[in-house]
Structures are given as structure tokens and as C-alpha cells.
PDB file of N, CA and C in Angstrom:
ATOM      1  N   MET A   1      79.522  19.107  14.639  1.00  0.00           N
ATOM      2  CA  MET A   1      78.654  17.953  14.737  1.00  0.00           C
ATOM      3  C   MET A   1      78.430  17.380  13.353  1.00  0.00           C
ATOM      4  N   SER A   2      78.578  16.099  13.215  1.00  0.00           N
ATOM      5  CA  SER A   2      78.458  15.425  11.936  1.00  0.00           C
ATOM      6  C   SER A   2      77.017  15.010  11.674  1.00  0.00           C
ATOM      7  N   CYS A   3      76.622  15.069  10.414  1.00  0.00           N
ATOM      8  CA  CYS A   3      75.281  14.648  10.013  1.00  0.00           C
ATOM      9  C   CYS A   3      75.290  13.240   9.449  1.00  0.00           C
ATOM     10  N   GLU A   4      76.435  12.587   9.506  1.00  0.00           N
ATOM     11  CA  GLU A   4      76.532  11.230   8.974  1.00  0.00           C
ATOM     12  C   GLU A   4      75.687  10.262   9.794  1.00  0.00           C
ATOM     13  N   THR A   5      75.179   9.242   9.134  1.00  0.00           N
ATOM     14  CA  THR A   5      74.395   8.215   9.814  1.00  0.00           C
ATOM     15  C   THR A   5      75.335   7.324  10.615  1.00  0.00           C
ATOM     16  N   ASP A   6      74.973   7.084  11.856  1.00  0.00           N
ATOM     17  CA  ASP A   6      75.767   6.204  12.711  1.00  0.00           C
ATOM     18  C   ASP A   6      75.397   4.763  12.385  1.00  0.00           C
ATOM     19  N   THR A   7      76.354   4.000  11.869  1.00  0.00           N
ATOM     20  CA  THR A   7      76.080   2.613  11.490  1.00  0.00           C
ATOM     21  C   THR A   7      76.461   1.620  12.576  1.00  0.00           C
ATOM     22  N   ALA A   8      76.901   2.117  13.716  1.00  0.00           N
ATOM     23  CA  ALA A   8      77.290   1.227  14.809  1.00  0.00           C
ATOM     24  C   ALA A   8      76.056   0.533  15.383  1.00  0.00           C
ATOM     25  N   GLU A   9      76.262  -0.669  15.846  1.00  0.00           N
ATOM     26  CA  GLU A   9      75.194  -1.412  16.510  1.00  0.00           C
ATOM     27  C   GLU A   9      74.801  -0.673  17.786  1.00  0.00           C
ATOM     28  N   PRO A  10      73.535  -0.803  18.232  1.00  0.00           N
ATOM     29  CA  PRO A  10      73.104  -0.099  19.445  1.00  0.00           C
ATOM     30  C   PRO A  10      74.011  -0.342  20.645  1.00  0.00           C
ATOM     31  N   HIS A  11      74.449  -1.613  20.857  1.00  0.00           N
ATOM     32  CA  HIS A  11      75.291  -1.876  22.023  1.00  0.00           C
ATOM     33  C   HIS A  11      76.654  -1.211  21.883  1.00  0.00           C
ATOM     34  N   GLU A  12      77.096  -0.954  20.644  1.00  0.00           N
ATOM     35  CA  GLU A  12      78.360  -0.264  20.436  1.00  0.00           C
ATOM     36  C   GLU A  12      78.234   1.227  20.744  1.00  0.00           C
ATOM     37  N   ARG A  13      77.012   1.747  20.683  1.00  0.00           N
ATOM     38  CA  ARG A  13      76.767   3.151  21.008  1.00  0.00           C
ATOM     39  C   ARG A  13      76.359   3.325  22.467  1.00  0.00           C
ATOM     40  N   GLY A  14      76.363   2.245  23.236  1.00  0.00           N
ATOM     41  CA  GLY A  14      76.024   2.331  24.651  1.00  0.00           C
ATOM     42  C   GLY A  14      74.540   2.385  24.933  1.00  0.00           C
ATOM     43  N   ILE A  15      73.721   2.014  23.950  1.00  0.00           N
ATOM     44  CA  ILE A  15      72.277   2.088  24.125  1.00  0.00           C
ATOM     45  C   ILE A  15      71.739   0.869  24.870  1.00  0.00           C
ATOM     46  N   VAL A  16      72.261  -0.298  24.574  1.00  0.00           N
ATOM     47  CA  VAL A  16      71.841  -1.514  25.274  1.00  0.00           C
ATOM     48  C   VAL A  16      73.083  -2.233  25.768  1.00  0.00           C
ATOM     49  N   PRO A  17      72.985  -3.006  26.811  1.00  0.00           N
ATOM     50  CA  PRO A  17      74.156  -3.740  27.299  1.00  0.00           C
ATOM     51  C   PRO A  17      74.706  -4.690  26.240  1.00  0.00           C
ATOM     52  N   VAL A  18      75.998  -4.830  26.198  1.00  0.00           N
ATOM     53  CA  VAL A  18      76.659  -5.694  25.217  1.00  0.00           C
ATOM     54  C   VAL A  18      76.176  -7.123  25.332  1.00  0.00           C
ATOM     55  N   HIS A  19      75.914  -7.596  26.543  1.00  0.00           N
ATOM     56  CA  HIS A  19      75.578  -9.005  26.720  1.00  0.00           C
ATOM     57  C   HIS A  19      74.243  -9.406  26.117  1.00  0.00           C
ATOM     58  N   THR A  20      73.416  -8.456  25.686  1.00  0.00           N
ATOM     59  CA  THR A  20      72.135  -8.854  25.117  1.00  0.00           C
ATOM     60  C   THR A  20      72.324  -9.486  23.755  1.00  0.00           C
ATOM     61  N   GLY A  21      73.143  -8.912  22.903  1.00  0.00           N
ATOM     62  CA  GLY A  21      73.433  -9.501  21.610  1.00  0.00           C
ATOM     63  C   GLY A  21      72.213  -9.868  20.790  1.00  0.00           C
ATOM     64  N   GLY A  22      71.073  -9.236  21.067  1.00  0.00           N
ATOM     65  CA  GLY A  22      69.863  -9.535  20.319  1.00  0.00           C
ATOM     66  C   GLY A  22      69.169 -10.810  20.764  1.00  0.00           C
ATOM     67  N   HIS A  23      69.699 -11.478  21.747  1.00  0.00           N
ATOM     68  CA  HIS A  23      69.112 -12.741  22.233  1.00  0.00           C
ATOM     69  C   HIS A  23      68.878 -12.645  23.734  1.00  0.00           C
ATOM     70  N   VAL A  24      68.180 -11.619  24.133  1.00  0.00           N
ATOM     71  CA  VAL A  24      67.977 -11.340  25.551  1.00  0.00           C
ATOM     72  C   VAL A  24      67.387 -12.525  26.298  1.00  0.00           C
ATOM     73  N   ALA A  25      66.330 -13.099  25.766  1.00  0.00           N
ATOM     74  CA  ALA A  25      65.632 -14.161  26.493  1.00  0.00           C
ATOM     75  C   ALA A  25      66.494 -15.410  26.665  1.00  0.00           C
ATOM     76  N   GLN A  26      67.418 -15.630  25.749  1.00  0.00           N
ATOM     77  CA  GLN A  26      68.225 -16.831  25.826  1.00  0.00           C
ATOM     78  C   GLN A  26      69.511 -16.629  26.616  1.00  0.00           C
ATOM     79  N   ASP A  27      70.066 -15.425  26.609  1.00  0.00           N
ATOM     80  CA  ASP A  27      71.405 -15.232  27.145  1.00  0.00           C
ATOM     81  C   ASP A  27      71.484 -14.609  28.530  1.00  0.00           C
ATOM     82  N   THR A  28      70.561 -13.737  28.893  1.00  0.00           N
ATOM     83  CA  THR A  28      70.786 -12.944  30.091  1.00  0.00           C
ATOM     84  C   THR A  28      70.120 -13.482  31.349  1.00  0.00           C
ATOM     85  N   GLY A  29      69.125 -14.327  31.232  1.00  0.00           N
ATOM     86  CA  GLY A  29      68.424 -14.794  32.417  1.00  0.00           C
ATOM     87  C   GLY A  29      69.331 -15.445  33.431  1.00  0.00           C
ATOM     88  N   ARG A  30      70.323 -16.170  32.949  1.00  0.00           N
ATOM     89  CA  ARG A  30      71.247 -16.835  33.864  1.00  0.00           C
ATOM     90  C   ARG A  30      72.064 -15.817  34.648  1.00  0.00           C
ATOM     91  N   GLU A  31      72.342 -14.672  34.048  1.00  0.00           N
ATOM     92  CA  GLU A  31      73.164 -13.661  34.700  1.00  0.00           C
ATOM     93  C   GLU A  31      72.358 -12.780  35.649  1.00  0.00           C
ATOM     94  N   LEU A  32      71.054 -12.722  35.479  1.00  0.00           N
ATOM     95  CA  LEU A  32      70.228 -11.790  36.226  1.00  0.00           C
ATOM     96  C   LEU A  32      69.624 -12.368  37.493  1.00  0.00           C
ATOM     97  N   THR A  33      69.684 -13.651  37.664  1.00  0.00           N
ATOM     98  CA  THR A  33      69.037 -14.259  38.820  1.00  0.00           C
ATOM     99  C   THR A  33      70.066 -14.863  39.752  1.00  0.00           C
ATOM    100  N   PRO A  34      69.767 -14.829  41.043  1.00  0.00           N
ATOM    101  CA  PRO A  34      70.672 -15.487  41.987  1.00  0.00           C
ATOM    102  C   PRO A  34      70.619 -16.999  41.798  1.00  0.00           C
ATOM    103  N   LYS A  35      71.516 -17.672  42.425  1.00  0.00           N
ATOM    104  CA  LYS A  35      71.607 -19.127  42.291  1.00  0.00           C
ATOM    105  C   LYS A  35      71.173 -19.820  43.584  1.00  0.00           C
ATOM    106  N   GLY A  36      70.716 -21.049  43.458  1.00  0.00           N
ATOM    107  CA  GLY A  36      70.436 -21.911  44.596  1.00  0.00           C
ATOM    108  C   GLY A  36      69.397 -21.378  45.562  1.00  0.00           C
ATOM    109  N   ALA A  37      69.731 -21.466  46.841  1.00  0.00           N
ATOM    110  CA  ALA A  37      68.795 -21.071  47.896  1.00  0.00           C
ATOM    111  C   ALA A  37      68.444 -19.592  47.810  1.00  0.00           C
ATOM    112  N   GLU A  38      69.390 -18.769  47.399  1.00  0.00           N
ATOM    113  CA  GLU A  38      69.121 -17.331  47.280  1.00  0.00           C
ATOM    114  C   GLU A  38      68.061 -17.063  46.217  1.00  0.00           C
ATOM    115  N   ASP A  39      68.059 -17.833  45.152  1.00  0.00           N
ATOM    116  CA  ASP A  39      67.035 -17.692  44.120  1.00  0.00           C
ATOM    117  C   ASP A  39      65.653 -17.997  44.694  1.00  0.00           C
ATOM    118  N   VAL A  40      65.561 -19.038  45.501  1.00  0.00           N
ATOM    119  CA  VAL A  40      64.285 -19.412  46.118  1.00  0.00           C
ATOM    120  C   VAL A  40      63.790 -18.287  47.024  1.00  0.00           C
ATOM    121  N   VAL A  41      64.682 -17.721  47.815  1.00  0.00           N
ATOM    122  CA  VAL A  41      64.316 -16.630  48.729  1.00  0.00           C
ATOM    123  C   VAL A  41      63.842 -15.407  47.943  1.00  0.00           C
ATOM    124  N   GLN A  42      64.582 -15.011  46.931  1.00  0.00           N
ATOM    125  CA  GLN A  42      64.235 -13.817  46.161  1.00  0.00           C
ATOM    126  C   GLN A  42      62.947 -14.012  45.362  1.00  0.00           C
ATOM    127  N   TRP A  43      62.755 -15.189  44.790  1.00  0.00           N
ATOM    128  CA  TRP A  43      61.537 -15.450  44.035  1.00  0.00           C
ATOM    129  C   TRP A  43      60.325 -15.454  44.953  1.00  0.00           C
ATOM    130  N   ALA A  44      60.495 -15.912  46.197  1.00  0.00           N
ATOM    131  CA  ALA A  44      59.402 -15.855  47.178  1.00  0.00           C
ATOM    132  C   ALA A  44      59.026 -14.405  47.468  1.00  0.00           C
ATOM    133  N   LYS A  45      60.011 -13.515  47.490  1.00  0.00           N
ATOM    134  CA  LYS A  45      59.737 -12.089  47.707  1.00  0.00           C
ATOM    135  C   LYS A  45      58.960 -11.501  46.525  1.00  0.00           C
ATOM    136  N   VAL A  46      59.304 -11.934  45.324  1.00  0.00           N
ATOM    137  CA  VAL A  46      58.566 -11.479  44.144  1.00  0.00           C
ATOM    138  C   VAL A  46      57.111 -11.921  44.249  1.00  0.00           C
ATOM    139  N   LYS A  47      56.901 -13.188  44.613  1.00  0.00           N
ATOM    140  CA  LYS A  47      55.538 -13.698  44.749  1.00  0.00           C
ATOM    141  C   LYS A  47      54.782 -12.941  45.844  1.00  0.00           C
ATOM    142  N   GLU A  48      55.448 -12.647  46.941  1.00  0.00           N
ATOM    143  CA  GLU A  48      54.815 -11.891  48.023  1.00  0.00           C
ATOM    144  C   GLU A  48      54.401 -10.496  47.540  1.00  0.00           C
ATOM    145  N   GLY A  49      55.275  -9.850  46.779  1.00  0.00           N
ATOM    146  CA  GLY A  49      54.956  -8.524  46.243  1.00  0.00           C
ATOM    147  C   GLY A  49      53.759  -8.562  45.307  1.00  0.00           C
ATOM    148  N   PHE A  50      53.714  -9.561  44.443  1.00  0.00           N
ATOM    149  CA  PHE A  50      52.568  -9.692  43.548  1.00  0.00           C
ATOM    150  C   PHE A  50      51.310 -10.047  44.334  1.00  0.00           C
ATOM    151  N   GLY A  51      51.477 -10.755  45.441  1.00  0.00           N
ATOM    152  CA  GLY A  51      50.338 -11.057  46.308  1.00  0.00           C
ATOM    153  C   GLY A  51      49.753  -9.791  46.910  1.00  0.00           C
ATOM    154  N   LYS A  52      50.622  -8.857  47.284  1.00  0.00           N
ATOM    155  CA  LYS A  52      50.138  -7.573  47.818  1.00  0.00           C
ATOM    156  C   LYS A  52      49.399  -6.784  46.748  1.00  0.00           C
ATOM    157  N   MET A  53      49.910  -6.820  45.513  1.00  0.00           N
ATOM    158  CA  MET A  53      49.196  -6.144  44.424  1.00  0.00           C
ATOM    159  C   MET A  53      47.864  -6.820  44.163  1.00  0.00           C
ATOM    160  N   ASP A  54      47.828  -8.150  44.291  1.00  0.00           N
ATOM    161  CA  ASP A  54      46.579  -8.880  44.102  1.00  0.00           C
ATOM    162  C   ASP A  54      45.562  -8.475  45.166  1.00  0.00           C
ATOM    163  N   GLU A  55      45.999  -8.316  46.409  1.00  0.00           N
ATOM    164  CA  GLU A  55      45.106  -7.904  47.488  1.00  0.00           C
ATOM    165  C   GLU A  55      44.617  -6.478  47.292  1.00  0.00           C
ATOM    166  N   PHE A  56      45.500  -5.625  46.794  1.00  0.00           N
ATOM    167  CA  PHE A  56      45.150  -4.217  46.588  1.00  0.00           C
ATOM    168  C   PHE A  56      44.136  -4.064  45.467  1.00  0.00           C
ATOM    169  N   GLY A  57      44.287  -4.862  44.442  1.00  0.00           N
ATOM    170  CA  GLY A  57      43.425  -4.741  43.269  1.00  0.00           C
ATOM    171  C   GLY A  57      41.999  -5.131  43.564  1.00  0.00           C
ATOM    172  N   ALA A  58      41.126  -4.698  42.690  1.00  0.00           N
ATOM    173  CA  ALA A  58      39.708  -5.014  42.820  1.00  0.00           C
ATOM    174  C   ALA A  58      39.515  -6.520  42.732  1.00  0.00           C
ATOM    175  N   SER A  59      38.698  -7.038  43.601  1.00  0.00           N
ATOM    176  CA  SER A  59      38.443  -8.476  43.574  1.00  0.00           C
ATOM    177  C   SER A  59      37.034  -8.723  43.046  1.00  0.00           C
ATOM    178  N   GLY A  60      36.785  -9.926  42.682  1.00  0.00           N
ATOM    179  CA  GLY A  60      35.461 -10.282  42.187  1.00  0.00           C
ATOM    180  C   GLY A  60      35.530 -10.814  40.777  1.00  0.00           C
ATOM    181  N   GLU A  61      34.492 -11.451  40.367  1.00  0.00           N
ATOM    182  CA  GLU A  61      34.418 -12.061  39.044  1.00  0.00           C
ATOM    183  C   GLU A  61      34.553 -11.000  37.949  1.00  0.00           C
ATOM    184  N   GLY A  62      35.495 -11.233  37.050  1.00  0.00           N
ATOM    185  CA  GLY A  62      35.652 -10.336  35.913  1.00  0.00           C
ATOM    186  C   GLY A  62      36.518  -9.114  36.164  1.00  0.00           C
ATOM    187  N   ASN A  63      37.006  -8.926  37.378  1.00  0.00           N
ATOM    188  CA  ASN A  63      37.850  -7.768  37.670  1.00  0.00           C
ATOM    189  C   ASN A  63      39.318  -8.153  37.542  1.00  0.00           C
ATOM    190  N   ALA A  64      39.791  -8.138  36.324  1.00  0.00           N
ATOM    191  CA  ALA A  64      41.175  -8.521  36.058  1.00  0.00           C
ATOM    192  C   ALA A  64      42.128  -7.352  36.263  1.00  0.00           C
ATOM    193  N   TYR A  65      41.589  -6.154  36.418  1.00  0.00           N
ATOM    194  CA  TYR A  65      42.426  -4.959  36.526  1.00  0.00           C
ATOM    195  C   TYR A  65      42.474  -4.442  37.959  1.00  0.00           C
ATOM    196  N   ILE A  66      43.475  -3.664  38.240  1.00  0.00           N
ATOM    197  CA  ILE A  66      43.667  -3.115  39.591  1.00  0.00           C
ATOM    198  C   ILE A  66      42.458  -2.295  40.042  1.00  0.00           C
ATOM    199  N   MET A  67      41.906  -1.485  39.140  1.00  0.00           N
ATOM    200  CA  MET A  67      40.804  -0.601  39.521  1.00  0.00           C
ATOM    201  C   MET A  67      39.424  -1.192  39.232  1.00  0.00           C
ATOM    202  N   GLY A  68      39.383  -2.385  38.696  1.00  0.00           N
ATOM    203  CA  GLY A  68      38.082  -2.992  38.410  1.00  0.00           C
ATOM    204  C   GLY A  68      37.982  -3.521  37.010  1.00  0.00           C
ATOM    205  N   ASP A  69      37.009  -3.019  36.244  1.00  0.00           N
ATOM    206  CA  ASP A  69      36.742  -3.586  34.923  1.00  0.00           C
ATOM    207  C   ASP A  69      37.426  -2.860  33.766  1.00  0.00           C
ATOM    208  N   ALA A  70      38.255  -1.857  34.053  1.00  0.00           N
ATOM    209  CA  ALA A  70      38.971  -1.140  32.997  1.00  0.00           C
ATOM    210  C   ALA A  70      40.439  -0.973  33.397  1.00  0.00           C
ATOM    211  N   PRO A  71      41.349  -1.064  32.425  1.00  0.00           N
ATOM    212  CA  PRO A  71      42.773  -0.925  32.759  1.00  0.00           C
ATOM    213  C   PRO A  71      43.133   0.506  33.145  1.00  0.00           C
ATOM    214  N   CYS A  72      44.136   0.621  33.995  1.00  0.00           N
ATOM    215  CA  CYS A  72      44.665   1.919  34.385  1.00  0.00           C
ATOM    216  C   CYS A  72      46.191   1.877  34.230  1.00  0.00           C
ATOM    217  N   TYR A  73      46.840   2.978  34.527  1.00  0.00           N
ATOM    218  CA  TYR A  73      48.287   3.054  34.390  1.00  0.00           C
ATOM    219  C   TYR A  73      48.983   1.945  35.177  1.00  0.00           C
ATOM    220  N   ALA A  74      48.513   1.665  36.389  1.00  0.00           N
ATOM    221  CA  ALA A  74      49.137   0.627  37.219  1.00  0.00           C
ATOM    222  C   ALA A  74      49.115  -0.728  36.514  1.00  0.00           C
ATOM    223  N   ASP A  75      48.031  -1.026  35.830  1.00  0.00           N
ATOM    224  CA  ASP A  75      47.946  -2.299  35.098  1.00  0.00           C
ATOM    225  C   ASP A  75      49.001  -2.377  34.000  1.00  0.00           C
ATOM    226  N   THR A  76      49.213  -1.282  33.285  1.00  0.00           N
ATOM    227  CA  THR A  76      50.205  -1.309  32.216  1.00  0.00           C
ATOM    228  C   THR A  76      51.614  -1.406  32.780  1.00  0.00           C
ATOM    229  N   TRP A  77      51.854  -0.773  33.911  1.00  0.00           N
ATOM    230  CA  TRP A  77      53.166  -0.861  34.548  1.00  0.00           C
ATOM    231  C   TRP A  77      53.437  -2.295  35.001  1.00  0.00           C
ATOM    232  N   ILE A  78      52.477  -2.889  35.667  1.00  0.00           N
ATOM    233  CA  ILE A  78      52.621  -4.276  36.128  1.00  0.00           C
ATOM    234  C   ILE A  78      52.807  -5.204  34.928  1.00  0.00           C
ATOM    235  N   ALA A  79      52.018  -5.000  33.887  1.00  0.00           N
ATOM    236  CA  ALA A  79      52.118  -5.840  32.692  1.00  0.00           C
ATOM    237  C   ALA A  79      53.501  -5.724  32.056  1.00  0.00           C
ATOM    238  N   GLY A  80      54.063  -4.528  32.030  1.00  0.00           N
ATOM    239  CA  GLY A  80      55.410  -4.355  31.486  1.00  0.00           C
ATOM    240  C   GLY A  80      56.432  -5.164  32.256  1.00  0.00           C
ATOM    241  N   TYR A  81      56.313  -5.155  33.562  1.00  0.00           N
ATOM    242  CA  TYR A  81      57.220  -5.932  34.407  1.00  0.00           C
ATOM    243  C   TYR A  81      57.042  -7.434  34.149  1.00  0.00           C
ATOM    244  N   ILE A  82      55.786  -7.843  34.012  1.00  0.00           N
ATOM    245  CA  ILE A  82      55.508  -9.257  33.759  1.00  0.00           C
ATOM    246  C   ILE A  82      56.046  -9.685  32.394  1.00  0.00           C
ATOM    247  N   VAL A  83      55.884  -8.838  31.390  1.00  0.00           N
ATOM    248  CA  VAL A  83      56.402  -9.165  30.063  1.00  0.00           C
ATOM    249  C   VAL A  83      57.920  -9.331  30.132  1.00  0.00           C
ATOM    250  N   TRP A  84      58.578  -8.494  30.901  1.00  0.00           N
ATOM    251  CA  TRP A  84      60.029  -8.617  31.077  1.00  0.00           C
ATOM    252  C   TRP A  84      60.357  -9.997  31.645  1.00  0.00           C
ATOM    253  N   ILE A  85      59.643 -10.396  32.685  1.00  0.00           N
ATOM    254  CA  ILE A  85      59.873 -11.719  33.277  1.00  0.00           C
ATOM    255  C   ILE A  85      59.603 -12.809  32.241  1.00  0.00           C
ATOM    256  N   LYS A  86      58.507 -12.672  31.518  1.00  0.00           N
ATOM    257  CA  LYS A  86      58.125 -13.672  30.513  1.00  0.00           C
ATOM    258  C   LYS A  86      59.210 -13.838  29.447  1.00  0.00           C
ATOM    259  N   LEU A  87      59.814 -12.735  29.017  1.00  0.00           N
ATOM    260  CA  LEU A  87      60.827 -12.792  27.963  1.00  0.00           C
ATOM    261  C   LEU A  87      62.208 -13.169  28.469  1.00  0.00           C
ATOM    262  N   ILE A  88      62.576 -12.661  29.624  1.00  0.00           N
ATOM    263  CA  ILE A  88      63.929 -12.862  30.139  1.00  0.00           C
ATOM    264  C   ILE A  88      64.049 -14.145  30.957  1.00  0.00           C
ATOM    265  N   LEU A  89      63.002 -14.470  31.697  1.00  0.00           N
ATOM    266  CA  LEU A  89      63.026 -15.635  32.583  1.00  0.00           C
ATOM    267  C   LEU A  89      61.816 -16.536  32.302  1.00  0.00           C
ATOM    268  N   PRO A  90      61.761 -17.154  31.135  1.00  0.00           N
ATOM    269  CA  PRO A  90      60.562 -17.913  30.761  1.00  0.00           C
ATOM    270  C   PRO A  90      60.202 -19.044  31.731  1.00  0.00           C
ATOM    271  N   ALA A  91      61.176 -19.668  32.348  1.00  0.00           N
ATOM    272  CA  ALA A  91      60.861 -20.728  33.320  1.00  0.00           C
ATOM    273  C   ALA A  91      60.151 -20.142  34.534  1.00  0.00           C
ATOM    274  N   LYS A  92      60.561 -18.946  34.944  1.00  0.00           N
ATOM    275  CA  LYS A  92      59.894 -18.287  36.081  1.00  0.00           C
ATOM    276  C   LYS A  92      58.470 -17.890  35.693  1.00  0.00           C
ATOM    277  N   TRP A  93      58.296 -17.445  34.454  1.00  0.00           N
ATOM    278  CA  TRP A  93      56.965 -17.076  33.987  1.00  0.00           C
ATOM    279  C   TRP A  93      56.021 -18.277  34.028  1.00  0.00           C
ATOM    280  N   GLU A  94      56.514 -19.451  33.680  1.00  0.00           N
ATOM    281  CA  GLU A  94      55.677 -20.648  33.705  1.00  0.00           C
ATOM    282  C   GLU A  94      55.131 -20.901  35.111  1.00  0.00           C
ATOM    283  N   VAL A  95      55.904 -20.576  36.119  1.00  0.00           N
ATOM    284  CA  VAL A  95      55.453 -20.704  37.510  1.00  0.00           C
ATOM    285  C   VAL A  95      54.527 -19.544  37.858  1.00  0.00           C
ATOM    286  N   MET A  96      54.939 -18.349  37.500  1.00  0.00           N
ATOM    287  CA  MET A  96      54.224 -17.126  37.888  1.00  0.00           C
ATOM    288  C   MET A  96      52.818 -17.038  37.317  1.00  0.00           C
ATOM    289  N   LYS A  97      52.614 -17.548  36.115  1.00  0.00           N
ATOM    290  CA  LYS A  97      51.312 -17.351  35.488  1.00  0.00           C
ATOM    291  C   LYS A  97      50.178 -18.081  36.209  1.00  0.00           C
ATOM    292  N   SER A  98      50.508 -18.979  37.128  1.00  0.00           N
ATOM    293  CA  SER A  98      49.462 -19.646  37.913  1.00  0.00           C
ATOM    294  C   SER A  98      49.203 -18.960  39.254  1.00  0.00           C
ATOM    295  N   TRP A  99      50.062 -17.990  39.614  1.00  0.00           N
ATOM    296  CA  TRP A  99      49.886 -17.307  40.897  1.00  0.00           C
ATOM    297  C   TRP A  99      48.547 -16.571  40.954  1.00  0.00           C
ATOM    298  N   HIS A 100      47.970 -16.526  42.130  1.00  0.00           N
ATOM    299  CA  HIS A 100      46.785 -15.726  42.438  1.00  0.00           C
ATOM    300  C   HIS A 100      45.642 -16.001  41.456  1.00  0.00           C
ATOM    301  N   GLY A 101      45.402 -17.282  41.270  1.00  0.00           N
ATOM    302  CA  GLY A 101      44.302 -17.694  40.409  1.00  0.00           C
ATOM    303  C   GLY A 101      44.522 -17.382  38.936  1.00  0.00           C
ATOM    304  N   GLY A 102      45.767 -17.236  38.531  1.00  0.00           N
ATOM    305  CA  GLY A 102      46.067 -16.933  37.137  1.00  0.00           C
ATOM    306  C   GLY A 102      45.888 -15.462  36.782  1.00  0.00           C
ATOM    307  N   ARG A 103      45.813 -14.617  37.790  1.00  0.00           N
ATOM    308  CA  ARG A 103      45.534 -13.193  37.554  1.00  0.00           C
ATOM    309  C   ARG A 103      46.534 -12.539  36.604  1.00  0.00           C
ATOM    310  N   TRP A 104      47.806 -12.872  36.730  1.00  0.00           N
ATOM    311  CA  TRP A 104      48.837 -12.171  35.949  1.00  0.00           C
ATOM    312  C   TRP A 104      48.834 -12.630  34.493  1.00  0.00           C
ATOM    313  N   ALA A 105      48.549 -13.882  34.247  1.00  0.00           N
ATOM    314  CA  ALA A 105      48.395 -14.352  32.864  1.00  0.00           C
ATOM    315  C   ALA A 105      47.150 -13.720  32.242  1.00  0.00           C
ATOM    316  N   THR A 106      46.089 -13.623  33.028  1.00  0.00           N
ATOM    317  CA  THR A 106      44.860 -12.997  32.551  1.00  0.00           C
ATOM    318  C   THR A 106      45.089 -11.526  32.240  1.00  0.00           C
ATOM    319  N   LEU A 107      45.858 -10.850  33.083  1.00  0.00           N
ATOM    320  CA  LEU A 107      46.158  -9.435  32.838  1.00  0.00           C
ATOM    321  C   LEU A 107      46.846  -9.270  31.485  1.00  0.00           C
ATOM    322  N   LEU A 108      47.877 -10.084  31.223  1.00  0.00           N
ATOM    323  CA  LEU A 108      48.558  -9.983  29.930  1.00  0.00           C
ATOM    324  C   LEU A 108      47.611 -10.285  28.780  1.00  0.00           C
ATOM    325  N   TRP A 109      46.802 -11.301  28.935  1.00  0.00           N
ATOM    326  CA  TRP A 109      45.851 -11.671  27.890  1.00  0.00           C
ATOM    327  C   TRP A 109      44.888 -10.517  27.618  1.00  0.00           C
ATOM    328  N   ASN A 110      44.378  -9.891  28.685  1.00  0.00           N
ATOM    329  CA  ASN A 110      43.429  -8.786  28.525  1.00  0.00           C
ATOM    330  C   ASN A 110      44.054  -7.550  27.886  1.00  0.00           C
ATOM    331  N   LEU A 111      45.349  -7.363  28.073  1.00  0.00           N
ATOM    332  CA  LEU A 111      46.017  -6.179  27.524  1.00  0.00           C
ATOM    333  C   LEU A 111      46.625  -6.406  26.142  1.00  0.00           C
ATOM    334  N   GLU A 112      46.528  -7.616  25.613  1.00  0.00           N
ATOM    335  CA  GLU A 112      47.088  -7.902  24.291  1.00  0.00           C
ATOM    336  C   GLU A 112      46.568  -6.952  23.217  1.00  0.00           C
ATOM    337  N   LYS A 113      45.316  -6.544  23.331  1.00  0.00           N
ATOM    338  CA  LYS A 113      44.721  -5.664  22.299  1.00  0.00           C
ATOM    339  C   LYS A 113      45.404  -4.298  22.244  1.00  0.00           C
ATOM    340  N   TYR A 114      46.178  -3.953  23.278  1.00  0.00           N
ATOM    341  CA  TYR A 114      46.876  -2.666  23.302  1.00  0.00           C
ATOM    342  C   TYR A 114      48.341  -2.786  22.855  1.00  0.00           C
ATOM    343  N   GLU A 115      48.773  -3.977  22.486  1.00  0.00           N
ATOM    344  CA  GLU A 115      50.168  -4.190  22.111  1.00  0.00           C
ATOM    345  C   GLU A 115      50.519  -3.611  20.748  1.00  0.00           C
ATOM    346  N   THR A 116      49.563  -3.493  19.868  1.00  0.00           N
ATOM    347  CA  THR A 116      49.833  -3.030  18.513  1.00  0.00           C
ATOM    348  C   THR A 116      49.320  -1.612  18.339  1.00  0.00           C
ATOM    349  N   VAL A 117      50.188  -0.760  17.830  1.00  0.00           N
ATOM    350  CA  VAL A 117      49.803   0.621  17.547  1.00  0.00           C
ATOM    351  C   VAL A 117      49.427   0.703  16.078  1.00  0.00           C
ATOM    352  N   VAL A 118      48.266   1.261  15.800  1.00  0.00           N
ATOM    353  CA  VAL A 118      47.826   1.402  14.414  1.00  0.00           C
ATOM    354  C   VAL A 118      47.779   2.843  13.991  1.00  0.00           C
TER     355      VAL A 118
END
């Protein structure tokens, strides 16, 4: 086993797909989504799924999190998925952030304080 530093790019070592090329948000969204009517059908399913999470979560003024007034693991998991959509499919995010009274945009906003590790 060699102790030499591997200078290969991550995609050359099989760590990330080659097509990302460091420009994930600009390059891959077109490849990841269906086209035409199928896109409409699949995006409706995404909205329906988020609607079920909205129903499951605590409701009421100020309850931006699934369990109520404090974040839990489910909130961070959902937020991770939303961030992926926001970065990879920004046009879809522009639509999504208004769903369910803006709950998903509010969730990301509320979790921003946890984005930086100190």
C-alpha cells in the first residue's frame, strides 16, 4: 500500500459522478428530471409527499418543525432533501418554497443557524 497523496480529482477516484464537474446546480438538473407530461406527474407526487409530511407535522402558529417548536432528526432529513432540490433544481425550488403556506422555505430559514460548524 502506497502512502503517496492521491492527486486525482474526486470524480476520477469514483467518489462523485463525472457529470457533476463541480457545477452540479447548472449541469445535472436537466439529466435528473423527466421531461414534459411525465415531469408534471412526478412533481405532483413530490408535492403530495410533502403535503403528507405537512399534515403529519405539528400545526399551529410558530410550529415550523415536525415535532413542534424544536427541530428533530426528521426536520434535518427533510431540510437536506430540500437543499438538494434548491441546489440541483432551482426552478423547482422557486415553486416548492410556496407550498403549504411556505413551510419548507421557513424550515430552511429556521435551520440556517445550524449550517455552520464552529
